Amino acid sequence: MAVSNDLVDMSSVKVVIPEHVLFQRLDGEAVLLDVQTGGYFGLNGVGTLVWQLLAEGKSIGAVVSEICGHYEIGMAQAASDTRAFISALQQQALVALSDD
């Protein structure tokens, strides 16, 4: 089931990565390639970690918790930053949300 981007509590929501999106790690950072459009999306170190956690099937809430533990950042800030990152990926059709 698709999930609205307007959900207040996205802790159990998972991200679905379409088959047309490829991931390549490069020296602690990474790049996403949309093979349908040829578009690239660069990820810094934090974005790379978030992407890897999402690719493992972790929920958004689990990703936020791991980011907090890894980077000594508050839960509210980590949640806000993670949602903004996922929103940017959605705008580029690099991910979709699912509550399945």
Protein backbone atom coordinates (compact mmCIF):
# COMPACT_ATOMS: atom_id res chain seq x y z
CA MET A 1 0.00 0.00 0.00
CA ALA A 2 1.33 3.45 -0.89
CA VAL A 3 1.70 5.93 1.92
CA SER A 4 0.92 9.63 1.92
CA ASN A 5 3.89 11.92 2.34
CA ASP A 6 1.79 13.86 4.87
CA LEU A 7 1.99 11.20 7.58
CA VAL A 8 2.82 12.69 10.94
CA ASP A 9 4.24 9.45 12.34
CA MET A 10 6.39 7.74 9.73
CA SER A 11 8.28 5.59 12.21
CA SER A 12 6.99 2.29 10.81
CA VAL A 13 7.00 3.35 7.16
CA LYS A 14 9.54 1.74 4.85
CA VAL A 15 11.11 3.04 1.69
CA VAL A 16 10.86 1.08 -1.54
CA ILE A 17 13.74 1.46 -3.99
CA PRO A 18 12.68 0.99 -7.62
CA GLU A 19 14.65 -1.46 -9.76
CA HIS A 20 15.68 1.36 -12.10
CA VAL A 21 17.74 3.04 -9.35
CA LEU A 22 21.35 1.92 -8.99
CA PHE A 23 23.66 2.68 -6.04
CA GLN A 24 27.44 3.00 -6.24
CA ARG A 25 29.69 3.72 -3.25
CA LEU A 26 32.71 5.98 -3.84
CA ASP A 27 35.16 6.71 -1.00
CA GLY A 28 32.62 7.06 1.83
CA GLU A 29 30.09 8.80 -0.37
CA ALA A 30 27.83 7.44 -3.07
CA VAL A 31 25.89 8.21 -6.20
CA LEU A 32 22.44 7.07 -7.25
CA LEU A 33 21.73 6.59 -10.93
CA ASP A 34 18.25 6.49 -12.37
CA VAL A 35 18.76 4.32 -15.45
CA GLN A 36 15.39 5.40 -16.88
CA THR A 37 16.25 9.10 -16.95
CA GLY A 38 20.04 9.00 -16.79
CA GLY A 39 19.90 11.34 -13.79
CA TYR A 40 22.48 11.23 -11.00
CA PHE A 41 21.96 12.05 -7.32
CA GLY A 42 25.06 12.44 -5.14
CA LEU A 43 25.04 11.34 -1.49
CA ASN A 44 27.38 12.55 1.22
CA GLY A 45 28.50 10.26 4.04
CA VAL A 46 25.30 10.64 6.07
CA GLY A 47 23.11 10.23 2.99
CA THR A 48 25.06 7.10 2.08
CA LEU A 49 24.44 5.61 5.52
CA VAL A 50 20.73 6.48 5.38
CA TRP A 51 20.45 4.93 1.90
CA GLN A 52 22.17 1.73 3.02
CA LEU A 53 19.90 1.40 6.04
CA LEU A 54 16.81 1.97 3.89
CA ALA A 55 18.09 -0.56 1.33
CA GLU A 56 18.37 -3.11 4.16
CA GLY A 57 14.61 -2.71 4.65
CA LYS A 58 14.77 -0.72 7.88
CA SER A 59 11.80 1.48 8.72
CA ILE A 60 12.24 5.23 8.75
CA GLY A 61 12.00 5.15 12.55
CA ALA A 62 14.80 2.58 12.77
CA VAL A 63 16.96 4.67 10.43
CA VAL A 64 16.40 7.76 12.58
CA SER A 65 17.39 5.84 15.72
CA GLU A 66 20.58 4.57 14.11
CA ILE A 67 21.49 8.05 12.87
CA CYS A 68 21.04 9.41 16.40
CA GLY A 69 23.36 6.78 17.82
CA HIS A 70 25.96 7.18 15.11
CA TYR A 71 26.15 10.99 14.93
CA GLU A 72 25.17 12.29 18.41
CA ILE A 73 22.19 14.20 17.06
CA GLY A 74 18.82 14.72 18.70
CA MET A 75 15.84 12.59 17.66
CA ALA A 76 13.80 15.56 16.39
CA GLN A 77 16.64 16.86 14.22
CA ALA A 78 17.47 13.39 12.88
CA ALA A 79 13.81 12.76 12.03
CA SER A 80 13.47 16.12 10.30
CA ASP A 81 16.67 15.67 8.29
CA THR A 82 15.79 12.09 7.34
CA ARG A 83 12.33 13.08 6.17
CA ALA A 84 13.77 15.96 4.12
CA PHE A 85 16.29 13.59 2.54
CA ILE A 86 13.60 11.02 1.69
CA SER A 87 11.36 13.78 0.32
CA ALA A 88 14.18 14.92 -2.00
CA LEU A 89 14.61 11.33 -3.19
CA GLN A 90 10.86 11.04 -3.78
CA GLN A 91 10.85 14.21 -5.87
CA GLN A 92 13.42 12.58 -8.14
CA ALA A 93 11.40 9.30 -8.26
CA LEU A 94 14.32 7.48 -6.60
CA VAL A 95 12.15 6.02 -3.80
CA ALA A 96 8.53 5.44 -2.82
CA LEU A 97 6.98 4.98 0.63
CA SER A 98 5.17 1.87 1.80
CA ASP A 99 3.63 0.71 5.06
CA ASP A 100 3.69 -2.95 3.99
